[in-house]
Amino acid sequence: MNDFVLSCCSTADLTAEHFAARDIHYICFHYSLNGKQYADDLGKSMPFDQFYQAMADGAETQTSQVNVEEFTAYFTPFLEQGKDILHVTLSSGISGVYNSACVAREELLQKYPDRKIYIVDSLGASSGYGLLMDRLADLRDKGEDVDSVYEWALANRLRLHHWFFSTDLTFYVKGGRISKASGWFGTVLNICPLLNMDDQGRLIPRSKIRGKKAVIKEIVARMEQFADGGTNYNGKCYISNSACYEDARAVADLVEQKFPKLNGKVEINHVGTTIGSHTGPGTVALFFWGSERKE
């Protein structure tokens, strides 16, 4: 195996066990709940059900990204061990963390000029970003060196599709993503917005679907439309959810029915506390490999 560190941020929303099994290192974002600070540490500091219940009960949340000093402290031990680094960040379309990682890289290369430090903007989020990390771990384990894995990530990151829907518009209104009037009408009419990530890693509303059953069918229809090979898709599929496991399970069941050649069962994860601070409970996200995202 090539001796380089494959790394990401906790916002890739996989489990600590998954990261450990794939030898993927991670650094934590931060959030606050009613003014108390926590690490976004994959549910260790606060279980996800407790976090989302607090939000449902009206708790105030704020998030903060990893800063330059934290990246410097995180990268340094690997460099001192003589290892190169490939770190993939949360999308620059929703966070400034990519810039922080790049600044830390430039500073550290002055001190460790013989090392390679690659920073990749995932242009993705949550377990979709995690699905990208899983593929990069596959390449590393097959013997690809850090340069090859870096180039592959840049060339293929936009082939990772991210589709989201929400059955609770409360936090989309609270965060200013939709107006209060739209939120009120959407709630009355049982509207579930369907969104995806564009080629700049921004979350874009695509459709307004009436009813949970209809939006579950529609999100899987988007996978049929865009996945590699259509219903013959034979890659992995991940789902993340924010305190709505039954909805996520319904999507997974339909995916497994429609795509019989999947690589294993659909993996269901939690939307982590950083991204969940903005979506609130009630969001389901579907991730798969497909045609390149282009606007």
C-alpha atoms as a PDB file:
ATOM      1  CA  MET A   1       0.000   0.000   0.000  1.00  0.00           C
ATOM      2  CA  ASN A   2       1.266   3.469  -0.825  1.00  0.00           C
ATOM      3  CA  ASP A   3       2.432   5.416   2.184  1.00  0.00           C
ATOM      4  CA  PHE A   4       0.296   8.527   1.982  1.00  0.00           C
ATOM      5  CA  VAL A   5      -2.439   9.842   4.233  1.00  0.00           C
ATOM      6  CA  LEU A   6      -5.961   9.946   2.797  1.00  0.00           C
ATOM      7  CA  SER A   7      -7.951  12.494   4.751  1.00  0.00           C
ATOM      8  CA  CYS A   8     -11.216  14.445   4.837  1.00  0.00           C
ATOM      9  CA  CYS A   9     -13.409  16.512   7.141  1.00  0.00           C
ATOM     10  CA  SER A  10     -16.044  15.066   9.465  1.00  0.00           C
ATOM     11  CA  THR A  11     -18.693  16.522   7.117  1.00  0.00           C
ATOM     12  CA  ALA A  12     -18.210  13.468   4.861  1.00  0.00           C
ATOM     13  CA  ASP A  13     -20.804  11.954   7.231  1.00  0.00           C
ATOM     14  CA  LEU A  14     -19.653   8.357   7.460  1.00  0.00           C
ATOM     15  CA  THR A  15     -19.258   6.469  10.723  1.00  0.00           C
ATOM     16  CA  ALA A  16     -16.035   6.433  12.711  1.00  0.00           C
ATOM     17  CA  GLU A  17     -15.963   2.670  12.142  1.00  0.00           C
ATOM     18  CA  HIS A  18     -16.211   3.140   8.373  1.00  0.00           C
ATOM     19  CA  PHE A  19     -13.366   5.659   8.343  1.00  0.00           C
ATOM     20  CA  ALA A  20     -11.213   3.390  10.492  1.00  0.00           C
ATOM     21  CA  ALA A  21     -11.907   0.319   8.346  1.00  0.00           C
ATOM     22  CA  ARG A  22     -10.928   2.206   5.183  1.00  0.00           C
ATOM     23  CA  ASP A  23      -7.918   3.926   6.821  1.00  0.00           C
ATOM     24  CA  ILE A  24      -9.345   7.391   6.140  1.00  0.00           C
ATOM     25  CA  HIS A  25      -8.339  10.125   8.590  1.00  0.00           C
ATOM     26  CA  TYR A  26     -10.653  13.034   9.394  1.00  0.00           C
ATOM     27  CA  ILE A  27     -10.682  16.410  11.123  1.00  0.00           C
ATOM     28  CA  CYS A  28     -13.771  17.764  12.865  1.00  0.00           C
ATOM     29  CA  PHE A  29     -15.862  20.821  12.120  1.00  0.00           C
ATOM     30  CA  HIS A  30     -17.547  22.531  15.097  1.00  0.00           C
ATOM     31  CA  TYR A  31     -21.058  23.547  16.069  1.00  0.00           C
ATOM     32  CA  SER A  32     -22.818  25.166  18.976  1.00  0.00           C
ATOM     33  CA  LEU A  33     -26.154  24.238  20.489  1.00  0.00           C
ATOM     34  CA  ASN A  34     -27.768  26.958  22.582  1.00  0.00           C
ATOM     35  CA  GLY A  35     -24.349  28.570  22.926  1.00  0.00           C
ATOM     36  CA  LYS A  36     -22.457  25.468  24.047  1.00  0.00           C
ATOM     37  CA  GLN A  37     -19.602  24.409  21.769  1.00  0.00           C
ATOM     38  CA  TYR A  38     -19.188  20.861  20.426  1.00  0.00           C
ATOM     39  CA  ALA A  39     -17.024  19.053  17.915  1.00  0.00           C
ATOM     40  CA  ASP A  40     -18.820  17.624  14.904  1.00  0.00           C
ATOM     41  CA  ASP A  41     -17.316  14.251  15.791  1.00  0.00           C
ATOM     42  CA  LEU A  42     -19.702  11.787  14.136  1.00  0.00           C
ATOM     43  CA  GLY A  43     -22.117  11.684  17.039  1.00  0.00           C
ATOM     44  CA  LYS A  44     -19.605  10.995  19.829  1.00  0.00           C
ATOM     45  CA  SER A  45     -20.126  14.223  21.809  1.00  0.00           C
ATOM     46  CA  MET A  46     -23.872  14.181  21.274  1.00  0.00           C
ATOM     47  CA  PRO A  47     -25.941  11.348  19.814  1.00  0.00           C
ATOM     48  CA  PHE A  48     -27.710  12.319  16.594  1.00  0.00           C
ATOM     49  CA  ASP A  49     -31.198  11.648  17.942  1.00  0.00           C
ATOM     50  CA  GLN A  50     -30.518  13.966  20.873  1.00  0.00           C
ATOM     51  CA  PHE A  51     -29.142  16.661  18.564  1.00  0.00           C
ATOM     52  CA  TYR A  52     -32.128  16.631  16.202  1.00  0.00           C
ATOM     53  CA  GLN A  53     -34.618  16.492  19.063  1.00  0.00           C
ATOM     54  CA  ALA A  54     -33.001  19.610  20.510  1.00  0.00           C
ATOM     55  CA  MET A  55     -33.393  21.345  17.142  1.00  0.00           C
ATOM     56  CA  ALA A  56     -37.030  20.265  16.928  1.00  0.00           C
ATOM     57  CA  ASP A  57     -37.529  21.712  20.418  1.00  0.00           C
ATOM     58  CA  GLY A  58     -36.204  25.082  19.257  1.00  0.00           C
ATOM     59  CA  ALA A  59     -32.508  24.988  20.134  1.00  0.00           C
ATOM     60  CA  GLU A  60     -30.298  27.554  18.391  1.00  0.00           C
ATOM     61  CA  THR A  61     -27.438  26.133  16.330  1.00  0.00           C
ATOM     62  CA  GLN A  62     -24.381  27.668  14.719  1.00  0.00           C
ATOM     63  CA  THR A  63     -21.501  26.040  12.855  1.00  0.00           C
ATOM     64  CA  SER A  64     -17.839  26.852  12.277  1.00  0.00           C
ATOM     65  CA  GLN A  65     -15.401  25.334   9.834  1.00  0.00           C
ATOM     66  CA  VAL A  66     -11.903  24.041  10.465  1.00  0.00           C
ATOM     67  CA  ASN A  67      -9.502  27.004  10.508  1.00  0.00           C
ATOM     68  CA  VAL A  68      -5.933  27.354   9.234  1.00  0.00           C
ATOM     69  CA  GLU A  69      -4.330  26.762  12.630  1.00  0.00           C
ATOM     70  CA  GLU A  70      -6.313  23.570  13.153  1.00  0.00           C
ATOM     71  CA  PHE A  71      -5.338  22.249   9.738  1.00  0.00           C
ATOM     72  CA  THR A  72      -1.685  23.061  10.425  1.00  0.00           C
ATOM     73  CA  ALA A  73      -1.755  21.182  13.732  1.00  0.00           C
ATOM     74  CA  TYR A  74      -3.600  18.257  12.117  1.00  0.00           C
ATOM     75  CA  PHE A  75      -1.310  17.898   9.075  1.00  0.00           C
ATOM     76  CA  THR A  76       2.025  18.417  10.871  1.00  0.00           C
ATOM     77  CA  PRO A  77       2.367  14.995  12.599  1.00  0.00           C
ATOM     78  CA  PHE A  78       1.838  13.199   9.279  1.00  0.00           C
ATOM     79  CA  LEU A  79       4.490  15.344   7.598  1.00  0.00           C
ATOM     80  CA  GLU A  80       6.913  14.755  10.445  1.00  0.00           C
ATOM     81  CA  GLN A  81       6.435  11.025   9.868  1.00  0.00           C
ATOM     82  CA  GLY A  82       7.556  11.558   6.265  1.00  0.00           C
ATOM     83  CA  LYS A  83       4.113  10.975   4.767  1.00  0.00           C
ATOM     84  CA  ASP A  84       2.455  12.777   1.887  1.00  0.00           C
ATOM     85  CA  ILE A  85      -1.151  13.973   2.327  1.00  0.00           C
ATOM     86  CA  LEU A  86      -4.262  14.003   0.162  1.00  0.00           C
ATOM     87  CA  HIS A  87      -7.013  15.904   1.959  1.00  0.00           C
ATOM     88  CA  VAL A  88     -10.495  16.360   0.484  1.00  0.00           C
ATOM     89  CA  THR A  89     -12.727  19.149   1.822  1.00  0.00           C
ATOM     90  CA  LEU A  90     -16.426  19.888   2.016  1.00  0.00           C
ATOM     91  CA  SER A  91     -17.680  21.737  -1.069  1.00  0.00           C
ATOM     92  CA  SER A  92     -16.498  25.322  -1.543  1.00  0.00           C
ATOM     93  CA  GLY A  93     -20.048  26.013  -2.721  1.00  0.00           C
ATOM     94  CA  ILE A  94     -21.306  25.816   0.860  1.00  0.00           C
ATOM     95  CA  SER A  95     -18.186  26.385   2.997  1.00  0.00           C
ATOM     96  CA  GLY A  96     -14.900  28.265   3.053  1.00  0.00           C
ATOM     97  CA  VAL A  97     -12.977  25.301   4.483  1.00  0.00           C
ATOM     98  CA  TYR A  98     -11.202  24.572   1.181  1.00  0.00           C
ATOM     99  CA  ASN A  99      -9.493  27.964   1.378  1.00  0.00           C
ATOM    100  CA  SER A 100      -8.401  27.337   4.970  1.00  0.00           C
ATOM    101  CA  ALA A 101      -6.866  23.998   4.006  1.00  0.00           C
ATOM    102  CA  CYS A 102      -5.046  25.604   1.053  1.00  0.00           C
ATOM    103  CA  VAL A 103      -3.559  28.346   3.237  1.00  0.00           C
ATOM    104  CA  ALA A 104      -2.319  25.723   5.719  1.00  0.00           C
ATOM    105  CA  ARG A 105      -0.837  23.747   2.826  1.00  0.00           C
ATOM    106  CA  GLU A 106       1.140  26.717   1.506  1.00  0.00           C
ATOM    107  CA  GLU A 107       2.516  27.477   4.957  1.00  0.00           C
ATOM    108  CA  LEU A 108       3.506  23.863   5.624  1.00  0.00           C
ATOM    109  CA  LEU A 109       5.219  23.408   2.255  1.00  0.00           C
ATOM    110  CA  GLN A 110       7.656  26.135   3.309  1.00  0.00           C
ATOM    111  CA  LYS A 111       8.653  23.957   6.248  1.00  0.00           C
ATOM    112  CA  TYR A 112       8.372  20.568   4.506  1.00  0.00           C
ATOM    113  CA  PRO A 113       9.398  21.261   0.880  1.00  0.00           C
ATOM    114  CA  ASP A 114      10.053  17.587   0.128  1.00  0.00           C
ATOM    115  CA  ARG A 115       6.538  16.481   1.009  1.00  0.00           C
ATOM    116  CA  LYS A 116       3.422  16.474  -1.167  1.00  0.00           C
ATOM    117  CA  ILE A 117       0.257  18.022   0.220  1.00  0.00           C
ATOM    118  CA  TYR A 118      -2.755  17.874  -2.090  1.00  0.00           C
ATOM    119  CA  ILE A 119      -6.042  19.612  -1.285  1.00  0.00           C
ATOM    120  CA  VAL A 120      -9.163  18.678  -3.263  1.00  0.00           C
ATOM    121  CA  ASP A 121     -12.466  20.557  -3.195  1.00  0.00           C
ATOM    122  CA  SER A 122     -14.994  17.708  -3.208  1.00  0.00           C
ATOM    123  CA  LEU A 123     -17.764  19.920  -4.641  1.00  0.00           C
ATOM    124  CA  GLY A 124     -19.913  17.617  -2.538  1.00  0.00           C
ATOM    125  CA  ALA A 125     -21.300  17.137   0.945  1.00  0.00           C
ATOM    126  CA  SER A 126     -22.454  14.620   3.528  1.00  0.00           C
ATOM    127  CA  SER A 127     -22.280  10.942   2.594  1.00  0.00           C
ATOM    128  CA  GLY A 128     -21.867  11.846  -1.089  1.00  0.00           C
ATOM    129  CA  TYR A 129     -18.542  13.359  -0.147  1.00  0.00           C
ATOM    130  CA  GLY A 130     -18.100  10.164   1.864  1.00  0.00           C
ATOM    131  CA  LEU A 131     -18.781   8.026  -1.207  1.00  0.00           C
ATOM    132  CA  LEU A 132     -16.014   9.907  -3.021  1.00  0.00           C
ATOM    133  CA  MET A 133     -13.644   9.173  -0.123  1.00  0.00           C
ATOM    134  CA  ASP A 134     -14.544   5.500  -0.263  1.00  0.00           C
ATOM    135  CA  ARG A 135     -13.643   5.343  -3.965  1.00  0.00           C
ATOM    136  CA  LEU A 136     -10.336   7.122  -3.347  1.00  0.00           C
ATOM    137  CA  ALA A 137      -9.548   4.527  -0.671  1.00  0.00           C
ATOM    138  CA  ASP A 138     -10.239   1.803  -3.256  1.00  0.00           C
ATOM    139  CA  LEU A 139      -7.722   3.376  -5.637  1.00  0.00           C
ATOM    140  CA  ARG A 140      -5.098   3.704  -2.903  1.00  0.00           C
ATOM    141  CA  ASP A 141      -5.615   0.085  -1.866  1.00  0.00           C
ATOM    142  CA  LYS A 142      -5.133  -1.042  -5.467  1.00  0.00           C
ATOM    143  CA  GLY A 143      -1.667   0.548  -5.385  1.00  0.00           C
ATOM    144  CA  GLU A 144      -2.272   3.943  -6.973  1.00  0.00           C
ATOM    145  CA  ASP A 145       0.137   6.613  -5.725  1.00  0.00           C
ATOM    146  CA  VAL A 146      -0.880   9.962  -4.249  1.00  0.00           C
ATOM    147  CA  ASP A 147      -0.444  11.809  -7.560  1.00  0.00           C
ATOM    148  CA  SER A 148      -2.720   9.393  -9.421  1.00  0.00           C
ATOM    149  CA  VAL A 149      -5.409   9.428  -6.736  1.00  0.00           C
ATOM    150  CA  TYR A 150      -5.325  13.232  -6.665  1.00  0.00           C
ATOM    151  CA  GLU A 151      -5.732  13.452 -10.446  1.00  0.00           C
ATOM    152  CA  TRP A 152      -8.558  10.913 -10.385  1.00  0.00           C
ATOM    153  CA  ALA A 153     -10.393  12.885  -7.703  1.00  0.00           C
ATOM    154  CA  LEU A 154     -10.224  16.087  -9.732  1.00  0.00           C
ATOM    155  CA  ALA A 155     -11.330  14.338 -12.921  1.00  0.00           C
ATOM    156  CA  ASN A 156     -14.253  12.429 -11.384  1.00  0.00           C
ATOM    157  CA  ARG A 157     -15.650  14.417  -8.448  1.00  0.00           C
ATOM    158  CA  LEU A 158     -18.492  15.859 -10.564  1.00  0.00           C
ATOM    159  CA  ARG A 159     -19.652  12.348 -11.429  1.00  0.00           C
ATOM    160  CA  LEU A 160     -20.860  11.957  -7.838  1.00  0.00           C
ATOM    161  CA  HIS A 161     -24.569  12.859  -7.736  1.00  0.00           C
ATOM    162  CA  HIS A 162     -26.219  14.408  -4.677  1.00  0.00           C
ATOM    163  CA  TRP A 163     -30.042  14.533  -4.489  1.00  0.00           C
ATOM    164  CA  PHE A 164     -31.889  15.761  -1.382  1.00  0.00           C
ATOM    165  CA  PHE A 165     -35.461  16.207  -0.235  1.00  0.00           C
ATOM    166  CA  SER A 166     -36.969  17.531   2.980  1.00  0.00           C
ATOM    167  CA  THR A 167     -40.298  16.858   4.629  1.00  0.00           C
ATOM    168  CA  ASP A 168     -39.813  19.685   7.155  1.00  0.00           C
ATOM    169  CA  LEU A 169     -39.322  23.213   5.818  1.00  0.00           C
ATOM    170  CA  THR A 170     -38.868  24.845   9.241  1.00  0.00           C
ATOM    171  CA  PHE A 171     -35.103  25.183   9.080  1.00  0.00           C
ATOM    172  CA  TYR A 172     -35.025  26.089   5.398  1.00  0.00           C
ATOM    173  CA  VAL A 173     -37.191  29.091   6.322  1.00  0.00           C
ATOM    174  CA  LYS A 174     -35.134  29.817   9.436  1.00  0.00           C
ATOM    175  CA  GLY A 175     -31.899  29.784   7.428  1.00  0.00           C
ATOM    176  CA  GLY A 176     -33.322  32.034   4.719  1.00  0.00           C
ATOM    177  CA  ARG A 177     -33.207  29.376   1.997  1.00  0.00           C
ATOM    178  CA  ILE A 178     -36.927  29.811   1.350  1.00  0.00           C
ATOM    179  CA  SER A 179     -39.239  32.668   2.310  1.00  0.00           C
ATOM    180  CA  LYS A 180     -41.672  32.478   5.201  1.00  0.00           C
ATOM    181  CA  ALA A 181     -44.578  32.671   2.776  1.00  0.00           C
ATOM    182  CA  SER A 182     -43.213  29.841   0.643  1.00  0.00           C
ATOM    183  CA  GLY A 183     -42.573  27.820   3.760  1.00  0.00           C
ATOM    184  CA  TRP A 184     -46.125  28.354   5.003  1.00  0.00           C
ATOM    185  CA  PHE A 185     -47.718  27.410   1.685  1.00  0.00           C
ATOM    186  CA  GLY A 186     -45.325  24.487   1.318  1.00  0.00           C
ATOM    187  CA  THR A 187     -46.301  23.141   4.721  1.00  0.00           C
ATOM    188  CA  VAL A 188     -50.038  23.574   4.088  1.00  0.00           C
ATOM    189  CA  LEU A 189     -49.789  21.910   0.667  1.00  0.00           C
ATOM    190  CA  ASN A 190     -47.415  19.181   1.913  1.00  0.00           C
ATOM    191  CA  ILE A 191     -44.677  20.263  -0.504  1.00  0.00           C
ATOM    192  CA  CYS A 192     -41.334  18.443  -0.294  1.00  0.00           C
ATOM    193  CA  PRO A 193     -38.637  20.342  -2.225  1.00  0.00           C
ATOM    194  CA  LEU A 194     -36.213  18.238  -4.262  1.00  0.00           C
ATOM    195  CA  LEU A 195     -32.692  19.681  -4.525  1.00  0.00           C
ATOM    196  CA  ASN A 196     -29.320  18.655  -5.882  1.00  0.00           C
ATOM    197  CA  MET A 197     -25.744  19.916  -6.033  1.00  0.00           C
ATOM    198  CA  ASP A 198     -24.654  21.706  -9.195  1.00  0.00           C
ATOM    199  CA  ASP A 199     -21.235  21.710 -10.845  1.00  0.00           C
ATOM    200  CA  GLN A 200     -20.007  24.367  -8.418  1.00  0.00           C
ATOM    201  CA  GLY A 201     -21.024  22.374  -5.373  1.00  0.00           C
ATOM    202  CA  ARG A 202     -24.002  24.567  -4.530  1.00  0.00           C
ATOM    203  CA  LEU A 203     -27.322  23.214  -3.282  1.00  0.00           C
ATOM    204  CA  ILE A 204     -29.961  24.089  -5.912  1.00  0.00           C
ATOM    205  CA  PRO A 205     -33.781  23.591  -5.687  1.00  0.00           C
ATOM    206  CA  ARG A 206     -34.993  21.569  -8.685  1.00  0.00           C
ATOM    207  CA  SER A 207     -38.614  20.578  -8.100  1.00  0.00           C
ATOM    208  CA  LYS A 208     -41.500  21.045  -5.694  1.00  0.00           C
ATOM    209  CA  ILE A 209     -43.100  17.662  -5.121  1.00  0.00           C
ATOM    210  CA  ARG A 210     -46.407  17.266  -3.301  1.00  0.00           C
ATOM    211  CA  GLY A 211     -46.355  14.462  -0.766  1.00  0.00           C
ATOM    212  CA  LYS A 212     -43.715  12.194   0.743  1.00  0.00           C
ATOM    213  CA  LYS A 213     -44.550   9.131  -1.364  1.00  0.00           C
ATOM    214  CA  ALA A 214     -44.243  11.168  -4.556  1.00  0.00           C
ATOM    215  CA  VAL A 215     -40.891  12.714  -3.640  1.00  0.00           C
ATOM    216  CA  ILE A 216     -39.477   9.291  -2.692  1.00  0.00           C
ATOM    217  CA  LYS A 217     -40.432   7.998  -6.150  1.00  0.00           C
ATOM    218  CA  GLU A 218     -39.017  11.112  -7.811  1.00  0.00           C
ATOM    219  CA  ILE A 219     -35.624  11.014  -6.103  1.00  0.00           C
ATOM    220  CA  VAL A 220     -35.182   7.401  -7.233  1.00  0.00           C
ATOM    221  CA  ALA A 221     -36.328   8.399 -10.738  1.00  0.00           C
ATOM    222  CA  ARG A 222     -33.449  10.923 -10.798  1.00  0.00           C
ATOM    223  CA  MET A 223     -31.079   8.069 -10.014  1.00  0.00           C
ATOM    224  CA  GLU A 224     -32.539   6.083 -12.923  1.00  0.00           C
ATOM    225  CA  GLN A 225     -31.991   9.128 -15.140  1.00  0.00           C
ATOM    226  CA  PHE A 226     -28.411   9.960 -14.171  1.00  0.00           C
ATOM    227  CA  ALA A 227     -26.741   6.826 -12.730  1.00  0.00           C
ATOM    228  CA  ASP A 228     -24.014   5.032 -14.679  1.00  0.00           C
ATOM    229  CA  GLY A 229     -25.822   2.375 -16.711  1.00  0.00           C
ATOM    230  CA  GLY A 230     -29.290   3.460 -15.614  1.00  0.00           C
ATOM    231  CA  THR A 231     -31.021   0.608 -13.815  1.00  0.00           C
ATOM    232  CA  ASN A 232     -27.943  -1.543 -14.571  1.00  0.00           C
ATOM    233  CA  TYR A 233     -25.935   0.634 -12.171  1.00  0.00           C
ATOM    234  CA  ASN A 234     -23.423  -1.581 -10.377  1.00  0.00           C
ATOM    235  CA  GLY A 235     -21.686   0.917  -8.093  1.00  0.00           C
ATOM    236  CA  LYS A 236     -22.261   1.725  -4.442  1.00  0.00           C
ATOM    237  CA  CYS A 237     -25.140   3.870  -3.209  1.00  0.00           C
ATOM    238  CA  TYR A 238     -25.197   5.849   0.030  1.00  0.00           C
ATOM    239  CA  ILE A 239     -28.062   7.646   1.765  1.00  0.00           C
ATOM    240  CA  SER A 240     -27.907  10.063   4.675  1.00  0.00           C
ATOM    241  CA  ASN A 241     -30.821  11.221   6.805  1.00  0.00           C
ATOM    242  CA  SER A 242     -31.546  13.680   9.580  1.00  0.00           C
ATOM    243  CA  ALA A 243     -33.784  11.945  12.133  1.00  0.00           C
ATOM    244  CA  CYS A 244     -36.031  10.383   9.479  1.00  0.00           C
ATOM    245  CA  TYR A 245     -34.703   6.856   9.125  1.00  0.00           C
ATOM    246  CA  GLU A 246     -38.031   5.413   7.949  1.00  0.00           C
ATOM    247  CA  ASP A 247     -38.047   7.799   4.954  1.00  0.00           C
ATOM    248  CA  ALA A 248     -34.415   6.925   4.196  1.00  0.00           C
ATOM    249  CA  ARG A 249     -35.245   3.207   4.450  1.00  0.00           C
ATOM    250  CA  ALA A 250     -38.145   3.682   2.016  1.00  0.00           C
ATOM    251  CA  VAL A 251     -35.764   5.279  -0.505  1.00  0.00           C
ATOM    252  CA  ALA A 252     -33.187   2.522   0.036  1.00  0.00           C
ATOM    253  CA  ASP A 253     -35.793  -0.222  -0.457  1.00  0.00           C
ATOM    254  CA  LEU A 254     -36.917   1.331  -3.735  1.00  0.00           C
ATOM    255  CA  VAL A 255     -33.323   1.763  -4.930  1.00  0.00           C
ATOM    256  CA  GLU A 256     -32.518  -1.872  -4.135  1.00  0.00           C
ATOM    257  CA  GLN A 257     -35.646  -2.924  -6.026  1.00  0.00           C
ATOM    258  CA  LYS A 258     -34.937  -0.756  -9.086  1.00  0.00           C
ATOM    259  CA  PHE A 259     -31.163  -1.406  -9.262  1.00  0.00           C
ATOM    260  CA  PRO A 260     -30.587  -5.164  -8.800  1.00  0.00           C
ATOM    261  CA  LYS A 261     -26.889  -4.967  -9.751  1.00  0.00           C
ATOM    262  CA  LEU A 262     -25.898  -2.601  -6.925  1.00  0.00           C
ATOM    263  CA  ASN A 263     -22.525  -3.168  -5.297  1.00  0.00           C
ATOM    264  CA  GLY A 264     -23.896  -4.336  -1.945  1.00  0.00           C
ATOM    265  CA  LYS A 265     -26.882  -2.967  -0.060  1.00  0.00           C
ATOM    266  CA  VAL A 266     -27.577   0.748   0.196  1.00  0.00           C
ATOM    267  CA  GLU A 267     -25.627   2.213   3.121  1.00  0.00           C
ATOM    268  CA  ILE A 268     -27.689   4.559   5.314  1.00  0.00           C
ATOM    269  CA  ASN A 269     -25.840   7.150   7.427  1.00  0.00           C
ATOM    270  CA  HIS A 270     -26.725  10.194   9.498  1.00  0.00           C
ATOM    271  CA  VAL A 271     -26.593  13.740   8.207  1.00  0.00           C
ATOM    272  CA  GLY A 272     -23.958  15.064  10.589  1.00  0.00           C
ATOM    273  CA  THR A 273     -24.339  17.922  13.016  1.00  0.00           C
ATOM    274  CA  THR A 274     -22.672  20.544  10.787  1.00  0.00           C
ATOM    275  CA  ILE A 275     -24.900  20.058   7.764  1.00  0.00           C
ATOM    276  CA  GLY A 276     -27.819  19.072   9.968  1.00  0.00           C
ATOM    277  CA  SER A 277     -27.582  22.405  11.786  1.00  0.00           C
ATOM    278  CA  HIS A 278     -28.772  23.984   8.530  1.00  0.00           C
ATOM    279  CA  THR A 279     -31.229  21.358   7.259  1.00  0.00           C
ATOM    280  CA  GLY A 280     -32.801  20.386  10.571  1.00  0.00           C
ATOM    281  CA  PRO A 281     -34.634  17.070  10.913  1.00  0.00           C
ATOM    282  CA  GLY A 282     -36.542  15.590   7.984  1.00  0.00           C
ATOM    283  CA  THR A 283     -33.926  15.583   5.204  1.00  0.00           C
ATOM    284  CA  VAL A 284     -33.014  12.539   3.102  1.00  0.00           C
ATOM    285  CA  ALA A 285     -30.074  12.596   0.689  1.00  0.00           C
ATOM    286  CA  LEU A 286     -29.265  10.049  -2.045  1.00  0.00           C
ATOM    287  CA  PHE A 287     -25.764   9.617  -3.522  1.00  0.00           C
ATOM    288  CA  PHE A 288     -24.514   7.598  -6.489  1.00  0.00           C
ATOM    289  CA  TRP A 289     -22.053   7.689  -9.413  1.00  0.00           C
ATOM    290  CA  GLY A 290     -23.342   8.909 -12.752  1.00  0.00           C
ATOM    291  CA  SER A 291     -22.972  11.333 -15.631  1.00  0.00           C
ATOM    292  CA  GLU A 292     -20.916  14.465 -15.029  1.00  0.00           C
ATOM    293  CA  ARG A 293     -22.829  17.262 -13.324  1.00  0.00           C
ATOM    294  CA  LYS A 294     -23.091  20.174 -15.747  1.00  0.00           C
ATOM    295  CA  GLU A 295     -25.256  23.289 -15.638  1.00  0.00           C
END
